[in-house]
């Protein structure tokens, strides 16, 4: 029983440290001045978005510094989770309050 408790405690400590490291890494990569120091090389204009997309001033490029045209997906649509720190920029995201889980836009039920 003690071995199980020790293993659970070690796992919990590892998970907390992993979360702290992930938060620090994100802040180091996308600090408060990142966008000022790395301006967009090819900004998108508000007028260039098609009728089924919305202009977002901070969506594209590394750390989401640049503007982009974004299509909002409805419940049940295929989606992808992305990392702004890696510069991944989806052209389509789940409409609020939906979230992308397992590649599908779903509505999360609040916990009570």
C-alpha atoms as a PDB file:
ATOM      1  CA  UNK A   1       0.000   0.000   0.000  1.00  0.00           C
ATOM      2  CA  UNK A   2       2.851   2.381   0.833  1.00  0.00           C
ATOM      3  CA  UNK A   3       4.504   1.657  -2.509  1.00  0.00           C
ATOM      4  CA  UNK A   4       1.288   2.543  -4.325  1.00  0.00           C
ATOM      5  CA  UNK A   5       0.935   5.780  -2.350  1.00  0.00           C
ATOM      6  CA  UNK A   6       4.565   6.707  -3.049  1.00  0.00           C
ATOM      7  CA  UNK A   7       4.094   6.001  -6.757  1.00  0.00           C
ATOM      8  CA  UNK A   8       0.926   8.123  -6.864  1.00  0.00           C
ATOM      9  CA  UNK A   9       2.686  10.962  -5.033  1.00  0.00           C
ATOM     10  CA  UNK A  10       5.641  10.818  -7.453  1.00  0.00           C
ATOM     11  CA  UNK A  11       3.262  10.853 -10.423  1.00  0.00           C
ATOM     12  CA  UNK A  12       1.398  13.863  -9.033  1.00  0.00           C
ATOM     13  CA  UNK A  13       4.643  15.766  -8.441  1.00  0.00           C
ATOM     14  CA  UNK A  14       5.786  14.930 -11.980  1.00  0.00           C
ATOM     15  CA  UNK A  15       2.509  16.180 -13.468  1.00  0.00           C
ATOM     16  CA  UNK A  16       2.665  19.452 -11.511  1.00  0.00           C
ATOM     17  CA  UNK A  17       6.257  20.021 -12.642  1.00  0.00           C
ATOM     18  CA  UNK A  18       5.325  19.252 -16.252  1.00  0.00           C
ATOM     19  CA  UNK A  19       2.511  21.826 -16.113  1.00  0.00           C
ATOM     20  CA  UNK A  20       4.811  24.463 -14.619  1.00  0.00           C
ATOM     21  CA  UNK A  21       7.460  23.802 -17.280  1.00  0.00           C
ATOM     22  CA  UNK A  22       4.868  24.036 -20.064  1.00  0.00           C
ATOM     23  CA  UNK A  23       3.630  27.395 -18.747  1.00  0.00           C
ATOM     24  CA  UNK A  24       7.163  28.749 -18.378  1.00  0.00           C
ATOM     25  CA  UNK A  25       8.138  27.530 -21.856  1.00  0.00           C
ATOM     26  CA  UNK A  26       5.101  29.263 -23.368  1.00  0.00           C
ATOM     27  CA  UNK A  27       5.971  32.503 -21.581  1.00  0.00           C
ATOM     28  CA  UNK A  28       9.606  32.275 -22.673  1.00  0.00           C
ATOM     29  CA  UNK A  29       8.653  31.691 -26.295  1.00  0.00           C
ATOM     30  CA  UNK A  30       5.764  34.164 -26.449  1.00  0.00           C
ATOM     31  CA  UNK A  31       6.756  36.766 -23.898  1.00  0.00           C
ATOM     32  CA  UNK A  32       5.042  40.128 -23.677  1.00  0.00           C
ATOM     33  CA  UNK A  33       7.272  41.742 -26.323  1.00  0.00           C
ATOM     34  CA  UNK A  34       7.475  38.906 -28.849  1.00  0.00           C
ATOM     35  CA  UNK A  35       4.971  40.409 -31.300  1.00  0.00           C
ATOM     36  CA  UNK A  36       6.623  43.843 -31.150  1.00  0.00           C
ATOM     37  CA  UNK A  37      10.040  42.331 -31.808  1.00  0.00           C
ATOM     38  CA  UNK A  38       8.787  40.064 -34.631  1.00  0.00           C
ATOM     39  CA  UNK A  39       6.354  42.034 -36.812  1.00  0.00           C
ATOM     40  CA  UNK A  40       4.275  40.250 -39.456  1.00  0.00           C
ATOM     41  CA  UNK A  41       5.970  39.905 -42.830  1.00  0.00           C
ATOM     42  CA  UNK A  42       2.785  39.526 -44.868  1.00  0.00           C
ATOM     43  CA  UNK A  43      -0.195  40.882 -42.928  1.00  0.00           C
ATOM     44  CA  UNK A  44      -3.728  40.072 -44.083  1.00  0.00           C
ATOM     45  CA  UNK A  45      -6.110  42.966 -44.631  1.00  0.00           C
ATOM     46  CA  UNK A  46      -9.614  43.022 -43.179  1.00  0.00           C
ATOM     47  CA  UNK A  47     -11.082  43.345 -46.699  1.00  0.00           C
ATOM     48  CA  UNK A  48      -9.401  40.154 -47.959  1.00  0.00           C
ATOM     49  CA  UNK A  49     -11.569  37.800 -45.875  1.00  0.00           C
ATOM     50  CA  UNK A  50     -14.302  35.874 -47.708  1.00  0.00           C
ATOM     51  CA  UNK A  51     -17.939  36.152 -46.658  1.00  0.00           C
ATOM     52  CA  UNK A  52     -17.838  32.917 -44.614  1.00  0.00           C
ATOM     53  CA  UNK A  53     -14.783  33.927 -42.572  1.00  0.00           C
ATOM     54  CA  UNK A  54     -14.012  36.522 -39.895  1.00  0.00           C
ATOM     55  CA  UNK A  55     -10.993  38.804 -39.593  1.00  0.00           C
ATOM     56  CA  UNK A  56      -8.978  38.266 -36.398  1.00  0.00           C
ATOM     57  CA  UNK A  57      -6.196  40.748 -35.664  1.00  0.00           C
ATOM     58  CA  UNK A  58      -4.147  38.301 -33.562  1.00  0.00           C
ATOM     59  CA  UNK A  59      -4.469  34.765 -34.854  1.00  0.00           C
ATOM     60  CA  UNK A  60      -1.736  33.751 -37.297  1.00  0.00           C
ATOM     61  CA  UNK A  61       1.987  33.095 -37.085  1.00  0.00           C
ATOM     62  CA  UNK A  62       4.147  32.221 -34.150  1.00  0.00           C
ATOM     63  CA  UNK A  63       2.528  33.368 -30.889  1.00  0.00           C
ATOM     64  CA  UNK A  64      -0.594  34.517 -32.792  1.00  0.00           C
ATOM     65  CA  UNK A  65       0.855  37.944 -33.561  1.00  0.00           C
ATOM     66  CA  UNK A  66      -0.513  38.369 -37.077  1.00  0.00           C
ATOM     67  CA  UNK A  67      -3.975  38.900 -38.539  1.00  0.00           C
ATOM     68  CA  UNK A  68      -5.837  36.124 -40.363  1.00  0.00           C
ATOM     69  CA  UNK A  69      -9.193  35.211 -41.870  1.00  0.00           C
ATOM     70  CA  UNK A  70     -10.816  32.466 -39.780  1.00  0.00           C
ATOM     71  CA  UNK A  71     -13.830  30.259 -40.420  1.00  0.00           C
ATOM     72  CA  UNK A  72     -15.815  29.236 -37.345  1.00  0.00           C
ATOM     73  CA  UNK A  73     -16.874  25.578 -37.181  1.00  0.00           C
ATOM     74  CA  UNK A  74     -20.195  24.300 -35.853  1.00  0.00           C
ATOM     75  CA  UNK A  75     -20.785  21.419 -33.463  1.00  0.00           C
ATOM     76  CA  UNK A  76     -19.756  18.071 -34.941  1.00  0.00           C
ATOM     77  CA  UNK A  77     -17.343  19.557 -37.486  1.00  0.00           C
ATOM     78  CA  UNK A  78     -13.816  18.171 -37.859  1.00  0.00           C
ATOM     79  CA  UNK A  79     -11.191  20.353 -36.119  1.00  0.00           C
ATOM     80  CA  UNK A  80      -7.570  20.442 -35.014  1.00  0.00           C
ATOM     81  CA  UNK A  81      -5.965  21.642 -31.791  1.00  0.00           C
ATOM     82  CA  UNK A  82      -3.008  23.905 -32.541  1.00  0.00           C
ATOM     83  CA  UNK A  83      -0.062  25.467 -30.750  1.00  0.00           C
ATOM     84  CA  UNK A  84       0.493  29.192 -31.157  1.00  0.00           C
ATOM     85  CA  UNK A  85       4.010  28.780 -29.745  1.00  0.00           C
ATOM     86  CA  UNK A  86       4.911  26.530 -32.678  1.00  0.00           C
ATOM     87  CA  UNK A  87       3.337  28.907 -35.166  1.00  0.00           C
ATOM     88  CA  UNK A  88       0.519  26.565 -36.136  1.00  0.00           C
ATOM     89  CA  UNK A  89      -2.352  28.610 -37.539  1.00  0.00           C
ATOM     90  CA  UNK A  90      -5.646  26.933 -38.379  1.00  0.00           C
ATOM     91  CA  UNK A  91      -7.866  28.661 -40.895  1.00  0.00           C
ATOM     92  CA  UNK A  92     -10.882  27.183 -39.092  1.00  0.00           C
ATOM     93  CA  UNK A  93     -11.635  26.897 -35.366  1.00  0.00           C
ATOM     94  CA  UNK A  94     -14.596  25.772 -33.272  1.00  0.00           C
ATOM     95  CA  UNK A  95     -17.256  28.416 -32.681  1.00  0.00           C
ATOM     96  CA  UNK A  96     -17.572  29.523 -29.028  1.00  0.00           C
ATOM     97  CA  UNK A  97     -18.430  27.856 -26.647  1.00  0.00           C
ATOM     98  CA  UNK A  98     -17.418  24.682 -28.515  1.00  0.00           C
ATOM     99  CA  UNK A  99     -14.039  23.014 -27.960  1.00  0.00           C
ATOM    100  CA  UNK A 100     -12.000  20.726 -30.196  1.00  0.00           C
ATOM    101  CA  UNK A 101     -11.832  17.279 -28.573  1.00  0.00           C
ATOM    102  CA  UNK A 102     -10.508  14.225 -30.391  1.00  0.00           C
ATOM    103  CA  UNK A 103     -10.724  16.079 -33.710  1.00  0.00           C
ATOM    104  CA  UNK A 104     -14.399  17.117 -33.395  1.00  0.00           C
ATOM    105  CA  UNK A 105     -16.038  20.368 -32.224  1.00  0.00           C
ATOM    106  CA  UNK A 106     -18.097  19.493 -29.140  1.00  0.00           C
ATOM    107  CA  UNK A 107     -20.077  21.367 -26.527  1.00  0.00           C
ATOM    108  CA  UNK A 108     -18.707  20.740 -23.050  1.00  0.00           C
ATOM    109  CA  UNK A 109     -21.171  20.321 -20.234  1.00  0.00           C
ATOM    110  CA  UNK A 110     -20.200  22.255 -17.116  1.00  0.00           C
ATOM    111  CA  UNK A 111     -19.278  20.233 -14.036  1.00  0.00           C
ATOM    112  CA  UNK A 112     -21.467  20.651 -10.988  1.00  0.00           C
END
